[in-house]
Amino acid sequence: MSKQPVRARPEPAEGKPRRRYDPDRRANISAAALDVVAKHGVAGATYRKIAERAGVSLGSLTYHFESLDELLGEAFTTLANRTANGFDAAMAEVGDEAAARDAVVSLITGELLNDSRTMVLSYELYALATRRPDMRRVTDAWMARSRVALGKFFDPETTLMLDALIEGLSMHRALSLAPMPRTTVEAAVERIVGKP
């Protein structure tokens, strides 16, 4: 019985690397979707643009995500979790209510919520959620995490008010040609929380 010769694997074509298994491909596609939304908006986010940005085939997108809605939902969840993680970290550094007030002011006026890319993506999510109620699961989970962090220092009603204040004042500061000064933000927080 003669042995068949073992065939060598063909070398990839010139300049084309051999495809490899990428355990992070789904996460990379999700990240690419955020890049596309940041540049073109949700309305301009297509499978083709996302695949091109991720450096994968269209088939890879449809293998990992059954629909563009599923992909956008996961991408926006990633955005929400990243921002919520920063929020959690900021609130975890404080030890009492007075420090928590300062942390709230710093969140409103600081880089975490005022990063231009994060703001653009957040507004795209908000607009999508107003048109697509199913996407409100992402915004609702995001708000819930913020309230848990705030709720360690404030009563439930104050927590709800502060959460809305953070969102609203961050938007005003981002969109205004003359953003309100930190002293005004401090006064707004004091009015909701009450004088120490």
C-alpha atoms as a PDB file:
ATOM      1  CA  MET A   1       0.000   0.000   0.000  1.00  0.00           C
ATOM      2  CA  SER A   2       1.668   3.187  -1.145  1.00  0.00           C
ATOM      3  CA  LYS A   3       1.459   6.338   0.894  1.00  0.00           C
ATOM      4  CA  GLN A   4       0.077   9.417  -0.765  1.00  0.00           C
ATOM      5  CA  PRO A   5       2.586  12.285  -0.693  1.00  0.00           C
ATOM      6  CA  VAL A   6       1.749  14.989   1.822  1.00  0.00           C
ATOM      7  CA  ARG A   7       0.867  18.129  -0.043  1.00  0.00           C
ATOM      8  CA  ALA A   8       2.287  21.369   1.189  1.00  0.00           C
ATOM      9  CA  ARG A   9      -0.241  24.099   1.936  1.00  0.00           C
ATOM     10  CA  PRO A  10      -0.241  26.605  -0.873  1.00  0.00           C
ATOM     11  CA  GLU A  11       1.441  29.886  -0.096  1.00  0.00           C
ATOM     12  CA  PRO A  12      -0.826  32.940  -0.033  1.00  0.00           C
ATOM     13  CA  ALA A  13      -0.868  35.121  -3.098  1.00  0.00           C
ATOM     14  CA  GLU A  14       1.767  37.855  -3.192  1.00  0.00           C
ATOM     15  CA  GLY A  15       0.921  40.600  -0.695  1.00  0.00           C
ATOM     16  CA  LYS A  16      -2.114  38.787   0.704  1.00  0.00           C
ATOM     17  CA  PRO A  17      -1.671  37.370   4.202  1.00  0.00           C
ATOM     18  CA  ARG A  18      -3.241  34.032   4.976  1.00  0.00           C
ATOM     19  CA  ARG A  19      -6.533  34.477   6.822  1.00  0.00           C
ATOM     20  CA  ARG A  20      -6.286  33.654  10.492  1.00  0.00           C
ATOM     21  CA  TYR A  21      -8.843  33.078  13.176  1.00  0.00           C
ATOM     22  CA  ASP A  22      -9.414  36.327  15.026  1.00  0.00           C
ATOM     23  CA  PRO A  23     -11.040  35.771  18.439  1.00  0.00           C
ATOM     24  CA  ASP A  24     -11.680  39.526  18.723  1.00  0.00           C
ATOM     25  CA  ARG A  25     -13.280  39.900  15.311  1.00  0.00           C
ATOM     26  CA  ARG A  26     -16.786  40.550  16.656  1.00  0.00           C
ATOM     27  CA  ALA A  27     -15.483  43.257  19.031  1.00  0.00           C
ATOM     28  CA  ASN A  28     -13.365  44.752  16.238  1.00  0.00           C
ATOM     29  CA  ILE A  29     -16.382  44.926  13.942  1.00  0.00           C
ATOM     30  CA  SER A  30     -18.358  46.610  16.732  1.00  0.00           C
ATOM     31  CA  ALA A  31     -15.556  49.163  17.216  1.00  0.00           C
ATOM     32  CA  ALA A  32     -15.450  49.779  13.471  1.00  0.00           C
ATOM     33  CA  ALA A  33     -19.210  50.412  13.515  1.00  0.00           C
ATOM     34  CA  LEU A  34     -18.688  53.176  16.085  1.00  0.00           C
ATOM     35  CA  ASP A  35     -15.973  54.705  13.887  1.00  0.00           C
ATOM     36  CA  VAL A  36     -18.341  54.695  10.906  1.00  0.00           C
ATOM     37  CA  VAL A  37     -21.215  56.175  12.926  1.00  0.00           C
ATOM     38  CA  ALA A  38     -18.893  58.887  14.287  1.00  0.00           C
ATOM     39  CA  LYS A  39     -17.937  59.830  10.734  1.00  0.00           C
ATOM     40  CA  HIS A  40     -21.146  59.245   8.762  1.00  0.00           C
ATOM     41  CA  GLY A  41     -23.924  59.058  11.356  1.00  0.00           C
ATOM     42  CA  VAL A  42     -26.309  56.150  11.842  1.00  0.00           C
ATOM     43  CA  ALA A  43     -27.984  56.981   8.537  1.00  0.00           C
ATOM     44  CA  GLY A  44     -24.666  56.559   6.716  1.00  0.00           C
ATOM     45  CA  ALA A  45     -23.594  53.393   8.532  1.00  0.00           C
ATOM     46  CA  THR A  46     -23.801  50.557   6.032  1.00  0.00           C
ATOM     47  CA  TYR A  47     -22.535  46.987   6.128  1.00  0.00           C
ATOM     48  CA  ARG A  48     -20.103  47.859   3.348  1.00  0.00           C
ATOM     49  CA  LYS A  49     -18.587  50.866   5.151  1.00  0.00           C
ATOM     50  CA  ILE A  50     -18.300  48.960   8.419  1.00  0.00           C
ATOM     51  CA  ALA A  51     -16.712  45.936   6.735  1.00  0.00           C
ATOM     52  CA  GLU A  52     -14.223  48.190   4.983  1.00  0.00           C
ATOM     53  CA  ARG A  53     -13.357  49.980   8.222  1.00  0.00           C
ATOM     54  CA  ALA A  54     -12.972  46.655  10.082  1.00  0.00           C
ATOM     55  CA  GLY A  55     -10.908  45.160   7.259  1.00  0.00           C
ATOM     56  CA  VAL A  56     -13.199  42.156   6.911  1.00  0.00           C
ATOM     57  CA  SER A  57     -15.489  40.746   4.245  1.00  0.00           C
ATOM     58  CA  LEU A  58     -19.206  41.440   4.153  1.00  0.00           C
ATOM     59  CA  GLY A  59     -19.695  37.744   4.865  1.00  0.00           C
ATOM     60  CA  SER A  60     -17.800  38.123   8.119  1.00  0.00           C
ATOM     61  CA  LEU A  61     -20.225  40.831   9.226  1.00  0.00           C
ATOM     62  CA  THR A  62     -23.286  38.741   8.454  1.00  0.00           C
ATOM     63  CA  TYR A  63     -21.668  35.736  10.145  1.00  0.00           C
ATOM     64  CA  HIS A  64     -21.198  37.653  13.405  1.00  0.00           C
ATOM     65  CA  PHE A  65     -24.326  39.840  13.267  1.00  0.00           C
ATOM     66  CA  GLU A  66     -27.719  38.818  11.929  1.00  0.00           C
ATOM     67  CA  SER A  67     -28.692  42.409  11.203  1.00  0.00           C
ATOM     68  CA  LEU A  68     -27.347  45.931  11.136  1.00  0.00           C
ATOM     69  CA  ASP A  69     -29.628  46.660  14.112  1.00  0.00           C
ATOM     70  CA  GLU A  70     -27.915  43.942  16.145  1.00  0.00           C
ATOM     71  CA  LEU A  71     -24.507  45.343  15.204  1.00  0.00           C
ATOM     72  CA  LEU A  72     -25.469  48.924  16.109  1.00  0.00           C
ATOM     73  CA  GLY A  73     -27.037  47.743  19.365  1.00  0.00           C
ATOM     74  CA  GLU A  74     -23.811  46.023  20.381  1.00  0.00           C
ATOM     75  CA  ALA A  75     -21.668  48.957  19.254  1.00  0.00           C
ATOM     76  CA  PHE A  76     -23.724  51.479  21.226  1.00  0.00           C
ATOM     77  CA  THR A  77     -23.714  49.171  24.251  1.00  0.00           C
ATOM     78  CA  THR A  78     -19.922  49.226  24.080  1.00  0.00           C
ATOM     79  CA  LEU A  79     -19.999  53.038  24.011  1.00  0.00           C
ATOM     80  CA  ALA A  80     -22.409  53.172  26.951  1.00  0.00           C
ATOM     81  CA  ASN A  81     -20.360  50.706  28.996  1.00  0.00           C
ATOM     82  CA  ARG A  82     -17.109  52.544  28.305  1.00  0.00           C
ATOM     83  CA  THR A  83     -18.623  55.834  29.454  1.00  0.00           C
ATOM     84  CA  ALA A  84     -20.346  54.224  32.440  1.00  0.00           C
ATOM     85  CA  ASN A  85     -17.043  52.623  33.475  1.00  0.00           C
ATOM     86  CA  GLY A  86     -15.455  56.083  33.543  1.00  0.00           C
ATOM     87  CA  PHE A  87     -18.407  57.395  35.535  1.00  0.00           C
ATOM     88  CA  ASP A  88     -18.099  54.497  38.007  1.00  0.00           C
ATOM     89  CA  ALA A  89     -14.369  55.115  38.382  1.00  0.00           C
ATOM     90  CA  ALA A  90     -14.909  58.826  39.081  1.00  0.00           C
ATOM     91  CA  MET A  91     -17.528  58.138  41.734  1.00  0.00           C
ATOM     92  CA  ALA A  92     -15.498  55.302  43.287  1.00  0.00           C
ATOM     93  CA  GLU A  93     -12.738  57.767  44.164  1.00  0.00           C
ATOM     94  CA  VAL A  94     -14.949  59.796  46.501  1.00  0.00           C
ATOM     95  CA  GLY A  95     -15.669  58.989  50.122  1.00  0.00           C
ATOM     96  CA  ASP A  96     -18.515  61.230  51.194  1.00  0.00           C
ATOM     97  CA  GLU A  97     -21.361  63.378  49.883  1.00  0.00           C
ATOM     98  CA  ALA A  98     -19.293  66.577  49.705  1.00  0.00           C
ATOM     99  CA  ALA A  99     -16.702  64.846  47.535  1.00  0.00           C
ATOM    100  CA  ALA A 100     -19.522  63.283  45.500  1.00  0.00           C
ATOM    101  CA  ARG A 101     -20.894  66.781  44.739  1.00  0.00           C
ATOM    102  CA  ASP A 102     -17.480  67.832  43.456  1.00  0.00           C
ATOM    103  CA  ALA A 103     -17.245  64.631  41.405  1.00  0.00           C
ATOM    104  CA  VAL A 104     -20.626  65.371  39.783  1.00  0.00           C
ATOM    105  CA  VAL A 105     -19.462  68.886  38.868  1.00  0.00           C
ATOM    106  CA  SER A 106     -16.216  67.472  37.464  1.00  0.00           C
ATOM    107  CA  LEU A 107     -18.132  64.899  35.402  1.00  0.00           C
ATOM    108  CA  ILE A 108     -20.277  67.653  33.874  1.00  0.00           C
ATOM    109  CA  THR A 109     -17.315  69.921  33.119  1.00  0.00           C
ATOM    110  CA  GLY A 110     -14.601  67.317  32.500  1.00  0.00           C
ATOM    111  CA  GLU A 111     -13.350  65.359  29.516  1.00  0.00           C
ATOM    112  CA  LEU A 112     -15.237  62.092  30.026  1.00  0.00           C
ATOM    113  CA  LEU A 113     -18.631  63.448  28.986  1.00  0.00           C
ATOM    114  CA  ASN A 114     -17.327  66.289  26.832  1.00  0.00           C
ATOM    115  CA  ASP A 115     -15.054  64.369  24.475  1.00  0.00           C
ATOM    116  CA  SER A 116     -16.257  65.412  21.005  1.00  0.00           C
ATOM    117  CA  ARG A 117     -16.330  61.863  19.584  1.00  0.00           C
ATOM    118  CA  THR A 118     -18.245  60.531  22.581  1.00  0.00           C
ATOM    119  CA  MET A 119     -20.712  63.402  22.293  1.00  0.00           C
ATOM    120  CA  VAL A 120     -21.328  62.786  18.588  1.00  0.00           C
ATOM    121  CA  LEU A 121     -21.859  59.076  19.178  1.00  0.00           C
ATOM    122  CA  SER A 122     -24.125  59.755  22.159  1.00  0.00           C
ATOM    123  CA  TYR A 123     -26.316  62.085  20.123  1.00  0.00           C
ATOM    124  CA  GLU A 124     -26.532  59.495  17.358  1.00  0.00           C
ATOM    125  CA  LEU A 125     -27.662  56.938  19.949  1.00  0.00           C
ATOM    126  CA  TYR A 126     -30.241  59.328  21.416  1.00  0.00           C
ATOM    127  CA  ALA A 127     -31.649  60.117  17.973  1.00  0.00           C
ATOM    128  CA  LEU A 128     -31.816  56.417  17.109  1.00  0.00           C
ATOM    129  CA  ALA A 129     -33.506  55.590  20.420  1.00  0.00           C
ATOM    130  CA  THR A 130     -36.203  58.233  19.818  1.00  0.00           C
ATOM    131  CA  ARG A 131     -37.034  56.570  16.493  1.00  0.00           C
ATOM    132  CA  ARG A 132     -36.451  52.983  17.579  1.00  0.00           C
ATOM    133  CA  PRO A 133     -37.892  52.210  21.007  1.00  0.00           C
ATOM    134  CA  ASP A 134     -36.037  48.863  21.075  1.00  0.00           C
ATOM    135  CA  MET A 135     -32.767  50.818  21.235  1.00  0.00           C
ATOM    136  CA  ARG A 136     -33.902  52.395  24.485  1.00  0.00           C
ATOM    137  CA  ARG A 137     -32.678  49.257  26.223  1.00  0.00           C
ATOM    138  CA  VAL A 138     -29.169  50.635  25.642  1.00  0.00           C
ATOM    139  CA  THR A 139     -29.920  54.121  26.987  1.00  0.00           C
ATOM    140  CA  ASP A 140     -31.952  52.700  29.869  1.00  0.00           C
ATOM    141  CA  ALA A 141     -29.110  50.394  30.955  1.00  0.00           C
ATOM    142  CA  TRP A 142     -26.692  53.324  30.693  1.00  0.00           C
ATOM    143  CA  MET A 143     -28.880  55.525  32.924  1.00  0.00           C
ATOM    144  CA  ALA A 144     -29.330  52.683  35.408  1.00  0.00           C
ATOM    145  CA  ARG A 145     -25.576  52.323  35.837  1.00  0.00           C
ATOM    146  CA  SER A 146     -25.180  56.069  36.400  1.00  0.00           C
ATOM    147  CA  ARG A 147     -27.890  56.000  39.047  1.00  0.00           C
ATOM    148  CA  VAL A 148     -26.278  53.101  40.882  1.00  0.00           C
ATOM    149  CA  ALA A 149     -23.028  55.079  41.127  1.00  0.00           C
ATOM    150  CA  LEU A 150     -24.815  58.232  42.297  1.00  0.00           C
ATOM    151  CA  GLY A 151     -27.111  56.293  44.620  1.00  0.00           C
ATOM    152  CA  LYS A 152     -24.202  55.450  46.890  1.00  0.00           C
ATOM    153  CA  PHE A 153     -24.178  59.065  48.058  1.00  0.00           C
ATOM    154  CA  PHE A 154     -27.647  60.499  47.412  1.00  0.00           C
ATOM    155  CA  ASP A 155     -31.254  59.496  48.060  1.00  0.00           C
ATOM    156  CA  PRO A 156     -33.229  57.982  45.134  1.00  0.00           C
ATOM    157  CA  GLU A 157     -35.095  61.176  44.144  1.00  0.00           C
ATOM    158  CA  THR A 158     -31.934  63.309  44.259  1.00  0.00           C
ATOM    159  CA  THR A 159     -30.121  60.613  42.272  1.00  0.00           C
ATOM    160  CA  LEU A 160     -32.727  60.829  39.484  1.00  0.00           C
ATOM    161  CA  MET A 161     -32.452  64.614  39.401  1.00  0.00           C
ATOM    162  CA  LEU A 162     -28.650  64.583  39.357  1.00  0.00           C
ATOM    163  CA  ASP A 163     -28.567  61.997  36.576  1.00  0.00           C
ATOM    164  CA  ALA A 164     -30.805  64.216  34.426  1.00  0.00           C
ATOM    165  CA  LEU A 165     -28.789  67.307  35.376  1.00  0.00           C
ATOM    166  CA  ILE A 166     -25.508  65.657  34.350  1.00  0.00           C
ATOM    167  CA  GLU A 167     -26.958  64.692  30.981  1.00  0.00           C
ATOM    168  CA  GLY A 168     -28.630  68.037  30.343  1.00  0.00           C
ATOM    169  CA  LEU A 169     -25.799  70.313  31.431  1.00  0.00           C
ATOM    170  CA  SER A 170     -23.252  68.225  29.529  1.00  0.00           C
ATOM    171  CA  MET A 171     -25.337  68.730  26.381  1.00  0.00           C
ATOM    172  CA  HIS A 172     -25.726  72.471  27.000  1.00  0.00           C
ATOM    173  CA  ARG A 173     -21.990  72.877  27.561  1.00  0.00           C
ATOM    174  CA  ALA A 174     -21.150  70.854  24.449  1.00  0.00           C
ATOM    175  CA  LEU A 175     -23.530  72.732  22.158  1.00  0.00           C
ATOM    176  CA  SER A 176     -23.211  76.271  23.511  1.00  0.00           C
ATOM    177  CA  LEU A 177     -20.902  78.832  21.942  1.00  0.00           C
ATOM    178  CA  ALA A 178     -20.361  80.150  25.483  1.00  0.00           C
ATOM    179  CA  PRO A 179     -20.496  77.134  27.832  1.00  0.00           C
ATOM    180  CA  MET A 180     -21.669  77.889  31.339  1.00  0.00           C
ATOM    181  CA  PRO A 181     -18.807  78.266  33.818  1.00  0.00           C
ATOM    182  CA  ARG A 182     -17.988  75.715  36.478  1.00  0.00           C
ATOM    183  CA  THR A 183     -19.373  78.050  39.166  1.00  0.00           C
ATOM    184  CA  THR A 184     -22.832  77.891  37.550  1.00  0.00           C
ATOM    185  CA  VAL A 185     -22.622  74.107  37.376  1.00  0.00           C
ATOM    186  CA  GLU A 186     -21.662  74.036  41.067  1.00  0.00           C
ATOM    187  CA  ALA A 187     -24.674  76.229  41.888  1.00  0.00           C
ATOM    188  CA  ALA A 188     -26.993  73.926  39.915  1.00  0.00           C
ATOM    189  CA  VAL A 189     -25.740  70.860  41.779  1.00  0.00           C
ATOM    190  CA  GLU A 190     -26.138  72.689  45.123  1.00  0.00           C
ATOM    191  CA  ARG A 191     -29.730  73.614  44.317  1.00  0.00           C
ATOM    192  CA  ILE A 192     -30.624  69.981  43.666  1.00  0.00           C
ATOM    193  CA  VAL A 193     -28.651  68.437  46.502  1.00  0.00           C
ATOM    194  CA  GLY A 194     -29.161  71.251  49.000  1.00  0.00           C
ATOM    195  CA  LYS A 195     -26.523  73.294  50.772  1.00  0.00           C
ATOM    196  CA  PRO A 196     -24.035  71.190  52.708  1.00  0.00           C
END
